[in-house]
Amino acid sequence: LTVTACISCNDDKDKTADTDNSAAIKPP
């Protein structure tokens, strides 16, 4: 259960990182 939770946690972090990158301010 702990291993599964950590994998899920890492997946969530990756998704958050992707979201942050997509929200970056674009150059004019």
mmCIF file of all heavy atoms, coordinates in Angstrom:
data_MODEL
# 
_entry.id   MODEL 
# 
loop_
_atom_site.group_PDB 
_atom_site.id 
_atom_site.type_symbol 
_atom_site.label_atom_id 
_atom_site.label_alt_id 
_atom_site.label_comp_id 
_atom_site.label_asym_id 
_atom_site.label_entity_id 
_atom_site.label_seq_id 
_atom_site.pdbx_PDB_ins_code 
_atom_site.Cartn_x 
_atom_site.Cartn_y 
_atom_site.Cartn_z 
_atom_site.occupancy 
_atom_site.B_iso_or_equiv 
_atom_site.pdbx_formal_charge 
_atom_site.auth_seq_id 
_atom_site.auth_comp_id 
_atom_site.auth_asym_id 
_atom_site.auth_atom_id 
_atom_site.pdbx_PDB_model_num 
ATOM 1   N N   . LEU A 1 1  ? 0.829  -1.207 0.000   1.00 0.00 ? 1  LEU A N   1 
ATOM 2   C CA  . LEU A 1 1  ? 0.000  0.000  0.000   1.00 0.00 ? 1  LEU A CA  1 
ATOM 3   C C   . LEU A 1 1  ? 0.862  1.255  0.000   1.00 0.00 ? 1  LEU A C   1 
ATOM 4   O O   . LEU A 1 1  ? 0.556  2.245  -0.666  1.00 0.00 ? 1  LEU A O   1 
ATOM 5   C CB  . LEU A 1 1  ? -0.929 0.000  1.220   1.00 0.00 ? 1  LEU A CB  1 
ATOM 6   C CG  . LEU A 1 1  ? -2.053 -1.036 1.196   1.00 0.00 ? 1  LEU A CG  1 
ATOM 7   C CD1 . LEU A 1 1  ? -2.810 -1.039 2.529   1.00 0.00 ? 1  LEU A CD1 1 
ATOM 8   C CD2 . LEU A 1 1  ? -3.019 -0.745 0.040   1.00 0.00 ? 1  LEU A CD2 1 
ATOM 9   N N   . THR A 1 2  ? 1.979  1.210  0.771   1.00 0.00 ? 2  THR A N   1 
ATOM 10  C CA  . THR A 1 2  ? 2.859  2.376  0.853   1.00 0.00 ? 2  THR A CA  1 
ATOM 11  C C   . THR A 1 2  ? 3.513  2.657  -0.484  1.00 0.00 ? 2  THR A C   1 
ATOM 12  O O   . THR A 1 2  ? 3.605  3.800  -0.934  1.00 0.00 ? 2  THR A O   1 
ATOM 13  C CB  . THR A 1 2  ? 3.941  2.144  1.926   1.00 0.00 ? 2  THR A CB  1 
ATOM 14  O OG1 . THR A 1 2  ? 3.312  1.885  3.170   1.00 0.00 ? 2  THR A OG1 1 
ATOM 15  C CG2 . THR A 1 2  ? 4.856  3.360  2.047   1.00 0.00 ? 2  THR A CG2 1 
ATOM 16  N N   . VAL A 1 3  ? 4.004  1.588  -1.160  1.00 0.00 ? 3  VAL A N   1 
ATOM 17  C CA  . VAL A 1 3  ? 4.636  1.736  -2.472  1.00 0.00 ? 3  VAL A CA  1 
ATOM 18  C C   . VAL A 1 3  ? 3.645  2.308  -3.477  1.00 0.00 ? 3  VAL A C   1 
ATOM 19  O O   . VAL A 1 3  ? 3.944  3.221  -4.242  1.00 0.00 ? 3  VAL A O   1 
ATOM 20  C CB  . VAL A 1 3  ? 5.199  0.396  -2.960  1.00 0.00 ? 3  VAL A CB  1 
ATOM 21  C CG1 . VAL A 1 3  ? 5.647  0.505  -4.424  1.00 0.00 ? 3  VAL A CG1 1 
ATOM 22  C CG2 . VAL A 1 3  ? 6.361  -0.041 -2.083  1.00 0.00 ? 3  VAL A CG2 1 
ATOM 23  N N   . THR A 1 4  ? 2.415  1.776  -3.454  1.00 0.00 ? 4  THR A N   1 
ATOM 24  C CA  . THR A 1 4  ? 1.373  2.259  -4.368  1.00 0.00 ? 4  THR A CA  1 
ATOM 25  C C   . THR A 1 4  ? 1.074  3.724  -4.121  1.00 0.00 ? 4  THR A C   1 
ATOM 26  O O   . THR A 1 4  ? 0.935  4.531  -5.046  1.00 0.00 ? 4  THR A O   1 
ATOM 27  C CB  . THR A 1 4  ? 0.087  1.443  -4.182  1.00 0.00 ? 4  THR A CB  1 
ATOM 28  O OG1 . THR A 1 4  ? 0.383  0.068  -4.423  1.00 0.00 ? 4  THR A OG1 1 
ATOM 29  C CG2 . THR A 1 4  ? -1.000 1.917  -5.155  1.00 0.00 ? 4  THR A CG2 1 
ATOM 30  N N   . ALA A 1 5  ? 0.995  4.123  -2.850  1.00 0.00 ? 5  ALA A N   1 
ATOM 31  C CA  . ALA A 1 5  ? 0.711  5.518  -2.493  1.00 0.00 ? 5  ALA A CA  1 
ATOM 32  C C   . ALA A 1 5  ? 1.819  6.438  -2.980  1.00 0.00 ? 5  ALA A C   1 
ATOM 33  O O   . ALA A 1 5  ? 1.575  7.532  -3.479  1.00 0.00 ? 5  ALA A O   1 
ATOM 34  C CB  . ALA A 1 5  ? 0.539  5.650  -0.977  1.00 0.00 ? 5  ALA A CB  1 
ATOM 35  N N   . CYS A 1 6  ? 3.086  5.984  -2.864  1.00 0.00 ? 6  CYS A N   1 
ATOM 36  C CA  . CYS A 1 6  ? 4.210  6.816  -3.305  1.00 0.00 ? 6  CYS A CA  1 
ATOM 37  C C   . CYS A 1 6  ? 4.204  6.996  -4.807  1.00 0.00 ? 6  CYS A C   1 
ATOM 38  O O   . CYS A 1 6  ? 4.485  8.070  -5.329  1.00 0.00 ? 6  CYS A O   1 
ATOM 39  C CB  . CYS A 1 6  ? 5.531  6.176  -2.872  1.00 0.00 ? 6  CYS A CB  1 
ATOM 40  S SG  . CYS A 1 6  ? 5.829  6.300  -1.103  1.00 0.00 ? 6  CYS A SG  1 
ATOM 41  N N   . ILE A 1 7  ? 3.882  5.897  -5.540  1.00 0.00 ? 7  ILE A N   1 
ATOM 42  C CA  . ILE A 1 7  ? 3.798  6.000  -7.000  1.00 0.00 ? 7  ILE A CA  1 
ATOM 43  C C   . ILE A 1 7  ? 2.719  6.989  -7.391  1.00 0.00 ? 7  ILE A C   1 
ATOM 44  O O   . ILE A 1 7  ? 2.892  7.847  -8.250  1.00 0.00 ? 7  ILE A O   1 
ATOM 45  C CB  . ILE A 1 7  ? 3.527  4.608  -7.616  1.00 0.00 ? 7  ILE A CB  1 
ATOM 46  C CG1 . ILE A 1 7  ? 4.743  3.706  -7.420  1.00 0.00 ? 7  ILE A CG1 1 
ATOM 47  C CG2 . ILE A 1 7  ? 3.201  4.747  -9.099  1.00 0.00 ? 7  ILE A CG2 1 
ATOM 48  C CD1 . ILE A 1 7  ? 4.507  2.270  -7.843  1.00 0.00 ? 7  ILE A CD1 1 
ATOM 49  N N   . SER A 1 8  ? 1.555  6.851  -6.696  1.00 0.00 ? 8  SER A N   1 
ATOM 50  C CA  . SER A 1 8  ? 0.446  7.776  -6.963  1.00 0.00 ? 8  SER A CA  1 
ATOM 51  C C   . SER A 1 8  ? 0.844  9.205  -6.648  1.00 0.00 ? 8  SER A C   1 
ATOM 52  O O   . SER A 1 8  ? 0.521  10.142 -7.368  1.00 0.00 ? 8  SER A O   1 
ATOM 53  C CB  . SER A 1 8  ? -0.772 7.370  -6.128  1.00 0.00 ? 8  SER A CB  1 
ATOM 54  O OG  . SER A 1 8  ? -1.811 8.290  -6.294  1.00 0.00 ? 8  SER A OG  1 
ATOM 55  N N   . CYS A 1 9  ? 1.622  9.386  -5.542  1.00 0.00 ? 9  CYS A N   1 
ATOM 56  C CA  . CYS A 1 9  ? 2.075  10.707 -5.137  1.00 0.00 ? 9  CYS A CA  1 
ATOM 57  C C   . CYS A 1 9  ? 2.981  11.307 -6.199  1.00 0.00 ? 9  CYS A C   1 
ATOM 58  O O   . CYS A 1 9  ? 2.859  12.467 -6.560  1.00 0.00 ? 9  CYS A O   1 
ATOM 59  C CB  . CYS A 1 9  ? 2.798  10.604 -3.810  1.00 0.00 ? 9  CYS A CB  1 
ATOM 60  S SG  . CYS A 1 9  ? 3.451  12.177 -3.198  1.00 0.00 ? 9  CYS A SG  1 
ATOM 61  N N   . ASN A 1 10 ? 3.907  10.470 -6.734  1.00 0.00 ? 10 ASN A N   1 
ATOM 62  C CA  . ASN A 1 10 ? 4.812  10.945 -7.772  1.00 0.00 ? 10 ASN A CA  1 
ATOM 63  C C   . ASN A 1 10 ? 4.052  11.312 -9.036  1.00 0.00 ? 10 ASN A C   1 
ATOM 64  O O   . ASN A 1 10 ? 4.362  12.282 -9.716  1.00 0.00 ? 10 ASN A O   1 
ATOM 65  C CB  . ASN A 1 10 ? 5.869  9.883  -8.095  1.00 0.00 ? 10 ASN A CB  1 
ATOM 66  C CG  . ASN A 1 10 ? 6.896  9.747  -6.977  1.00 0.00 ? 10 ASN A CG  1 
ATOM 67  O OD1 . ASN A 1 10 ? 7.120  10.706 -6.251  1.00 0.00 ? 10 ASN A OD1 1 
ATOM 68  N ND2 . ASN A 1 10 ? 7.504  8.567  -6.840  1.00 0.00 ? 10 ASN A ND2 1 
ATOM 69  N N   . ASP A 1 11 ? 3.017  10.499 -9.351  1.00 0.00 ? 11 ASP A N   1 
ATOM 70  C CA  . ASP A 1 11 ? 2.182  10.810 -10.515 1.00 0.00 ? 11 ASP A CA  1 
ATOM 71  C C   . ASP A 1 11 ? 1.540  12.173 -10.356 1.00 0.00 ? 11 ASP A C   1 
ATOM 72  O O   . ASP A 1 11 ? 1.483  12.973 -11.284 1.00 0.00 ? 11 ASP A O   1 
ATOM 73  C CB  . ASP A 1 11 ? 1.094  9.739  -10.700 1.00 0.00 ? 11 ASP A CB  1 
ATOM 74  C CG  . ASP A 1 11 ? 1.687  8.434  -11.247 1.00 0.00 ? 11 ASP A CG  1 
ATOM 75  O OD1 . ASP A 1 11 ? 2.841  8.487  -11.737 1.00 0.00 ? 11 ASP A OD1 1 
ATOM 76  O OD2 . ASP A 1 11 ? 1.009  7.403  -11.177 1.00 0.00 ? 11 ASP A OD2 1 
ATOM 77  N N   . ASP A 1 12 ? 1.036  12.443 -9.137  1.00 0.00 ? 12 ASP A N   1 
ATOM 78  C CA  . ASP A 1 12 ? 0.387  13.734 -8.873  1.00 0.00 ? 12 ASP A CA  1 
ATOM 79  C C   . ASP A 1 12 ? 1.375  14.869 -9.024  1.00 0.00 ? 12 ASP A C   1 
ATOM 80  O O   . ASP A 1 12 ? 1.048  15.936 -9.556  1.00 0.00 ? 12 ASP A O   1 
ATOM 81  C CB  . ASP A 1 12 ? -0.219 13.740 -7.464  1.00 0.00 ? 12 ASP A CB  1 
ATOM 82  C CG  . ASP A 1 12 ? -1.468 12.864 -7.390  1.00 0.00 ? 12 ASP A CG  1 
ATOM 83  O OD1 . ASP A 1 12 ? -2.031 12.544 -8.455  1.00 0.00 ? 12 ASP A OD1 1 
ATOM 84  O OD2 . ASP A 1 12 ? -1.843 12.516 -6.260  1.00 0.00 ? 12 ASP A OD2 1 
ATOM 85  N N   . LYS A 1 13 ? 2.619  14.656 -8.552  1.00 0.00 ? 13 LYS A N   1 
ATOM 86  C CA  . LYS A 1 13 ? 3.632  15.702 -8.677  1.00 0.00 ? 13 LYS A CA  1 
ATOM 87  C C   . LYS A 1 13 ? 3.925  15.996 -10.130 1.00 0.00 ? 13 LYS A C   1 
ATOM 88  O O   . LYS A 1 13 ? 4.067  17.133 -10.542 1.00 0.00 ? 13 LYS A O   1 
ATOM 89  C CB  . LYS A 1 13 ? 4.917  15.275 -7.954  1.00 0.00 ? 13 LYS A CB  1 
ATOM 90  C CG  . LYS A 1 13 ? 4.829  15.308 -6.441  1.00 0.00 ? 13 LYS A CG  1 
ATOM 91  C CD  . LYS A 1 13 ? 6.136  14.886 -5.808  1.00 0.00 ? 13 LYS A CD  1 
ATOM 92  C CE  . LYS A 1 13 ? 6.040  14.923 -4.287  1.00 0.00 ? 13 LYS A CE  1 
ATOM 93  N NZ  . LYS A 1 13 ? 7.298  14.477 -3.666  1.00 0.00 ? 13 LYS A NZ  1 
ATOM 94  N N   . ASP A 1 14 ? 4.011  14.923 -10.944 1.00 0.00 ? 14 ASP A N   1 
ATOM 95  C CA  . ASP A 1 14 ? 4.277  15.116 -12.368 1.00 0.00 ? 14 ASP A CA  1 
ATOM 96  C C   . ASP A 1 14 ? 3.159  15.897 -13.029 1.00 0.00 ? 14 ASP A C   1 
ATOM 97  O O   . ASP A 1 14 ? 3.394  16.788 -13.841 1.00 0.00 ? 14 ASP A O   1 
ATOM 98  C CB  . ASP A 1 14 ? 4.442  13.758 -13.064 1.00 0.00 ? 14 ASP A CB  1 
ATOM 99  C CG  . ASP A 1 14 ? 5.736  13.065 -12.638 1.00 0.00 ? 14 ASP A CG  1 
ATOM 100 O OD1 . ASP A 1 14 ? 6.621  13.781 -12.130 1.00 0.00 ? 14 ASP A OD1 1 
ATOM 101 O OD2 . ASP A 1 14 ? 5.837  11.833 -12.803 1.00 0.00 ? 14 ASP A OD2 1 
ATOM 102 N N   . LYS A 1 15 ? 1.911  15.570 -12.646 1.00 0.00 ? 15 LYS A N   1 
ATOM 103 C CA  . LYS A 1 15 ? 0.771  16.277 -13.214 1.00 0.00 ? 15 LYS A CA  1 
ATOM 104 C C   . LYS A 1 15 ? 0.791  17.748 -12.824 1.00 0.00 ? 15 LYS A C   1 
ATOM 105 O O   . LYS A 1 15 ? 0.501  18.623 -13.625 1.00 0.00 ? 15 LYS A O   1 
ATOM 106 C CB  . LYS A 1 15 ? -0.533 15.627 -12.743 1.00 0.00 ? 15 LYS A CB  1 
ATOM 107 C CG  . LYS A 1 15 ? -0.778 14.250 -13.344 1.00 0.00 ? 15 LYS A CG  1 
ATOM 108 C CD  . LYS A 1 15 ? -2.034 13.623 -12.773 1.00 0.00 ? 15 LYS A CD  1 
ATOM 109 C CE  . LYS A 1 15 ? -2.251 12.213 -13.316 1.00 0.00 ? 15 LYS A CE  1 
ATOM 110 N NZ  . LYS A 1 15 ? -3.420 11.564 -12.717 1.00 0.00 ? 15 LYS A NZ  1 
ATOM 111 N N   . THR A 1 16 ? 1.155  18.020 -11.554 1.00 0.00 ? 16 THR A N   1 
ATOM 112 C CA  . THR A 1 16 ? 1.232  19.404 -11.093 1.00 0.00 ? 16 THR A CA  1 
ATOM 113 C C   . THR A 1 16 ? 2.295  20.172 -11.848 1.00 0.00 ? 16 THR A C   1 
ATOM 114 O O   . THR A 1 16 ? 2.101  21.311 -12.258 1.00 0.00 ? 16 THR A O   1 
ATOM 115 C CB  . THR A 1 16 ? 1.541  19.435 -9.583  1.00 0.00 ? 16 THR A CB  1 
ATOM 116 O OG1 . THR A 1 16 ? 0.530  18.712 -8.888  1.00 0.00 ? 16 THR A OG1 1 
ATOM 117 C CG2 . THR A 1 16 ? 1.605  20.872 -9.077  1.00 0.00 ? 16 THR A CG2 1 
ATOM 118 N N   . ALA A 1 17 ? 3.433  19.503 -12.060 1.00 0.00 ? 17 ALA A N   1 
ATOM 119 C CA  . ALA A 1 17 ? 4.519  20.156 -12.786 1.00 0.00 ? 17 ALA A CA  1 
ATOM 120 C C   . ALA A 1 17 ? 4.089  20.493 -14.200 1.00 0.00 ? 17 ALA A C   1 
ATOM 121 O O   . ALA A 1 17 ? 4.358  21.576 -14.715 1.00 0.00 ? 17 ALA A O   1 
ATOM 122 C CB  . ALA A 1 17 ? 5.751  19.258 -12.799 1.00 0.00 ? 17 ALA A CB  1 
ATOM 123 N N   . ASP A 1 18 ? 3.373  19.533 -14.843 1.00 0.00 ? 18 ASP A N   1 
ATOM 124 C CA  . ASP A 1 18 ? 2.894  19.777 -16.199 1.00 0.00 ? 18 ASP A CA  1 
ATOM 125 C C   . ASP A 1 18 ? 1.938  20.960 -16.221 1.00 0.00 ? 18 ASP A C   1 
ATOM 126 O O   . ASP A 1 18 ? 1.969  21.797 -17.124 1.00 0.00 ? 18 ASP A O   1 
ATOM 127 C CB  . ASP A 1 18 ? 2.193  18.528 -16.745 1.00 0.00 ? 18 ASP A CB  1 
ATOM 128 C CG  . ASP A 1 18 ? 3.195  17.396 -17.035 1.00 0.00 ? 18 ASP A CG  1 
ATOM 129 O OD1 . ASP A 1 18 ? 4.410  17.692 -17.127 1.00 0.00 ? 18 ASP A OD1 1 
ATOM 130 O OD2 . ASP A 1 18 ? 2.744  16.249 -17.154 1.00 0.00 ? 18 ASP A OD2 1 
ATOM 131 N N   . THR A 1 19 ? 1.079  21.021 -15.200 1.00 0.00 ? 19 THR A N   1 
ATOM 132 C CA  . THR A 1 19 ? 0.106  22.115 -15.126 1.00 0.00 ? 19 THR A CA  1 
ATOM 133 C C   . THR A 1 19 ? 0.815  23.454 -14.964 1.00 0.00 ? 19 THR A C   1 
ATOM 134 O O   . THR A 1 19 ? 0.472  24.435 -15.619 1.00 0.00 ? 19 THR A O   1 
ATOM 135 C CB  . THR A 1 19 ? -0.856 21.895 -13.942 1.00 0.00 ? 19 THR A CB  1 
ATOM 136 O OG1 . THR A 1 19 ? -1.511 20.649 -14.113 1.00 0.00 ? 19 THR A OG1 1 
ATOM 137 C CG2 . THR A 1 19 ? -1.885 23.012 -13.873 1.00 0.00 ? 19 THR A CG2 1 
ATOM 138 N N   . ASP A 1 20 ? 1.849  23.489 -14.113 1.00 0.00 ? 20 ASP A N   1 
ATOM 139 C CA  . ASP A 1 20 ? 2.587  24.724 -13.897 1.00 0.00 ? 20 ASP A CA  1 
ATOM 140 C C   . ASP A 1 20 ? 3.259  25.193 -15.174 1.00 0.00 ? 20 ASP A C   1 
ATOM 141 O O   . ASP A 1 20 ? 3.277  26.373 -15.495 1.00 0.00 ? 20 ASP A O   1 
ATOM 142 C CB  . ASP A 1 20 ? 3.626  24.533 -12.795 1.00 0.00 ? 20 ASP A CB  1 
ATOM 143 C CG  . ASP A 1 20 ? 2.983  24.394 -11.420 1.00 0.00 ? 20 ASP A CG  1 
ATOM 144 O OD1 . ASP A 1 20 ? 1.795  24.755 -11.286 1.00 0.00 ? 20 ASP A OD1 1 
ATOM 145 O OD2 . ASP A 1 20 ? 3.667  23.927 -10.502 1.00 0.00 ? 20 ASP A OD2 1 
ATOM 146 N N   . ASN A 1 21 ? 3.834  24.258 -15.921 1.00 0.00 ? 21 ASN A N   1 
ATOM 147 C CA  . ASN A 1 21 ? 4.506  24.624 -17.165 1.00 0.00 ? 21 ASN A CA  1 
ATOM 148 C C   . ASN A 1 21 ? 3.523  25.190 -18.177 1.00 0.00 ? 21 ASN A C   1 
ATOM 149 O O   . ASN A 1 21 ? 3.826  26.137 -18.887 1.00 0.00 ? 21 ASN A O   1 
ATOM 150 C CB  . ASN A 1 21 ? 5.229  23.410 -17.763 1.00 0.00 ? 21 ASN A CB  1 
ATOM 151 C CG  . ASN A 1 21 ? 6.463  23.024 -16.958 1.00 0.00 ? 21 ASN A CG  1 
ATOM 152 O OD1 . ASN A 1 21 ? 7.021  23.865 -16.265 1.00 0.00 ? 21 ASN A OD1 1 
ATOM 153 N ND2 . ASN A 1 21 ? 6.879  21.766 -17.046 1.00 0.00 ? 21 ASN A ND2 1 
ATOM 154 N N   . SER A 1 22 ? 2.341  24.599 -18.236 1.00 0.00 ? 22 SER A N   1 
ATOM 155 C CA  . SER A 1 22 ? 1.357  25.057 -19.208 1.00 0.00 ? 22 SER A CA  1 
ATOM 156 C C   . SER A 1 22 ? 0.815  26.431 -18.843 1.00 0.00 ? 22 SER A C   1 
ATOM 157 O O   . SER A 1 22 ? 0.301  27.147 -19.687 1.00 0.00 ? 22 SER A O   1 
ATOM 158 C CB  . SER A 1 22 ? 0.198  24.050 -19.322 1.00 0.00 ? 22 SER A CB  1 
ATOM 159 O OG  . SER A 1 22 ? -0.524 24.002 -18.107 1.00 0.00 ? 22 SER A OG  1 
ATOM 160 N N   . ALA A 1 23 ? 0.929  26.796 -17.540 1.00 0.00 ? 23 ALA A N   1 
ATOM 161 C CA  . ALA A 1 23 ? 0.409  28.083 -17.088 1.00 0.00 ? 23 ALA A CA  1 
ATOM 162 C C   . ALA A 1 23 ? 1.465  29.179 -17.121 1.00 0.00 ? 23 ALA A C   1 
ATOM 163 O O   . ALA A 1 23 ? 1.209  30.295 -16.705 1.00 0.00 ? 23 ALA A O   1 
ATOM 164 C CB  . ALA A 1 23 ? -0.148 27.945 -15.667 1.00 0.00 ? 23 ALA A CB  1 
ATOM 165 N N   . ALA A 1 24 ? 2.675  28.869 -17.596 1.00 0.00 ? 24 ALA A N   1 
ATOM 166 C CA  . ALA A 1 24 ? 3.740  29.869 -17.639 1.00 0.00 ? 24 ALA A CA  1 
ATOM 167 C C   . ALA A 1 24 ? 3.341  31.018 -18.559 1.00 0.00 ? 24 ALA A C   1 
ATOM 168 O O   . ALA A 1 24 ? 2.646  30.836 -19.557 1.00 0.00 ? 24 ALA A O   1 
ATOM 169 C CB  . ALA A 1 24 ? 5.031  29.221 -18.135 1.00 0.00 ? 24 ALA A CB  1 
ATOM 170 N N   . ILE A 1 25 ? 3.785  32.228 -18.212 1.00 0.00 ? 25 ILE A N   1 
ATOM 171 C CA  . ILE A 1 25 ? 3.457  33.410 -19.005 1.00 0.00 ? 25 ILE A CA  1 
ATOM 172 C C   . ILE A 1 25 ? 4.212  33.359 -20.330 1.00 0.00 ? 25 ILE A C   1 
ATOM 173 O O   . ILE A 1 25 ? 5.426  33.173 -20.359 1.00 0.00 ? 25 ILE A O   1 
ATOM 174 C CB  . ILE A 1 25 ? 3.819  34.692 -18.230 1.00 0.00 ? 25 ILE A CB  1 
ATOM 175 C CG1 . ILE A 1 25 ? 2.966  34.782 -16.961 1.00 0.00 ? 25 ILE A CG1 1 
ATOM 176 C CG2 . ILE A 1 25 ? 3.605  35.930 -19.097 1.00 0.00 ? 25 ILE A CG2 1 
ATOM 177 C CD1 . ILE A 1 25 ? 3.358  35.926 -16.050 1.00 0.00 ? 25 ILE A CD1 1 
ATOM 178 N N   . LYS A 1 26 ? 3.507  33.526 -21.403 1.00 0.00 ? 26 LYS A N   1 
ATOM 179 C CA  . LYS A 1 26 ? 4.115  33.493 -22.731 1.00 0.00 ? 26 LYS A CA  1 
ATOM 180 C C   . LYS A 1 26 ? 4.763  34.836 -23.056 1.00 0.00 ? 26 LYS A C   1 
ATOM 181 O O   . LYS A 1 26 ? 4.292  35.882 -22.606 1.00 0.00 ? 26 LYS A O   1 
ATOM 182 C CB  . LYS A 1 26 ? 3.049  33.163 -23.780 1.00 0.00 ? 26 LYS A CB  1 
ATOM 183 C CG  . LYS A 1 26 ? 2.428  31.787 -23.619 1.00 0.00 ? 26 LYS A CG  1 
ATOM 184 C CD  . LYS A 1 26 ? 1.363  31.543 -24.682 1.00 0.00 ? 26 LYS A CD  1 
ATOM 185 C CE  . LYS A 1 26 ? 0.733  30.166 -24.522 1.00 0.00 ? 26 LYS A CE  1 
ATOM 186 N NZ  . LYS A 1 26 ? -0.319 29.924 -25.532 1.00 0.00 ? 26 LYS A NZ  1 
ATOM 187 N N   . PRO A 1 27 ? 5.825  34.825 -23.841 1.00 0.00 ? 27 PRO A N   1 
ATOM 188 C CA  . PRO A 1 27 ? 6.429  36.094 -24.272 1.00 0.00 ? 27 PRO A CA  1 
ATOM 189 C C   . PRO A 1 27 ? 5.422  36.900 -25.090 1.00 0.00 ? 27 PRO A C   1 
ATOM 190 O O   . PRO A 1 27 ? 4.521  36.331 -25.720 1.00 0.00 ? 27 PRO A O   1 
ATOM 191 C CB  . PRO A 1 27 ? 7.608  35.645 -25.148 1.00 0.00 ? 27 PRO A CB  1 
ATOM 192 C CG  . PRO A 1 27 ? 7.875  34.232 -24.755 1.00 0.00 ? 27 PRO A CG  1 
ATOM 193 C CD  . PRO A 1 27 ? 6.556  33.649 -24.351 1.00 0.00 ? 27 PRO A CD  1 
ATOM 194 N N   . PRO A 1 28 ? 5.547  38.225 -25.108 1.00 0.00 ? 28 PRO A N   1 
ATOM 195 C CA  . PRO A 1 28 ? 4.637  39.043 -25.929 1.00 0.00 ? 28 PRO A CA  1 
ATOM 196 C C   . PRO A 1 28 ? 4.705  38.638 -27.400 1.00 0.00 ? 28 PRO A C   1 
ATOM 197 O O   . PRO A 1 28 ? 5.783  38.319 -27.920 1.00 0.00 ? 28 PRO A O   1 
ATOM 198 C CB  . PRO A 1 28 ? 5.161  40.465 -25.727 1.00 0.00 ? 28 PRO A CB  1 
ATOM 199 C CG  . PRO A 1 28 ? 5.914  40.424 -24.431 1.00 0.00 ? 28 PRO A CG  1 
ATOM 200 C CD  . PRO A 1 28 ? 6.512  39.057 -24.360 1.00 0.00 ? 28 PRO A CD  1 
# 
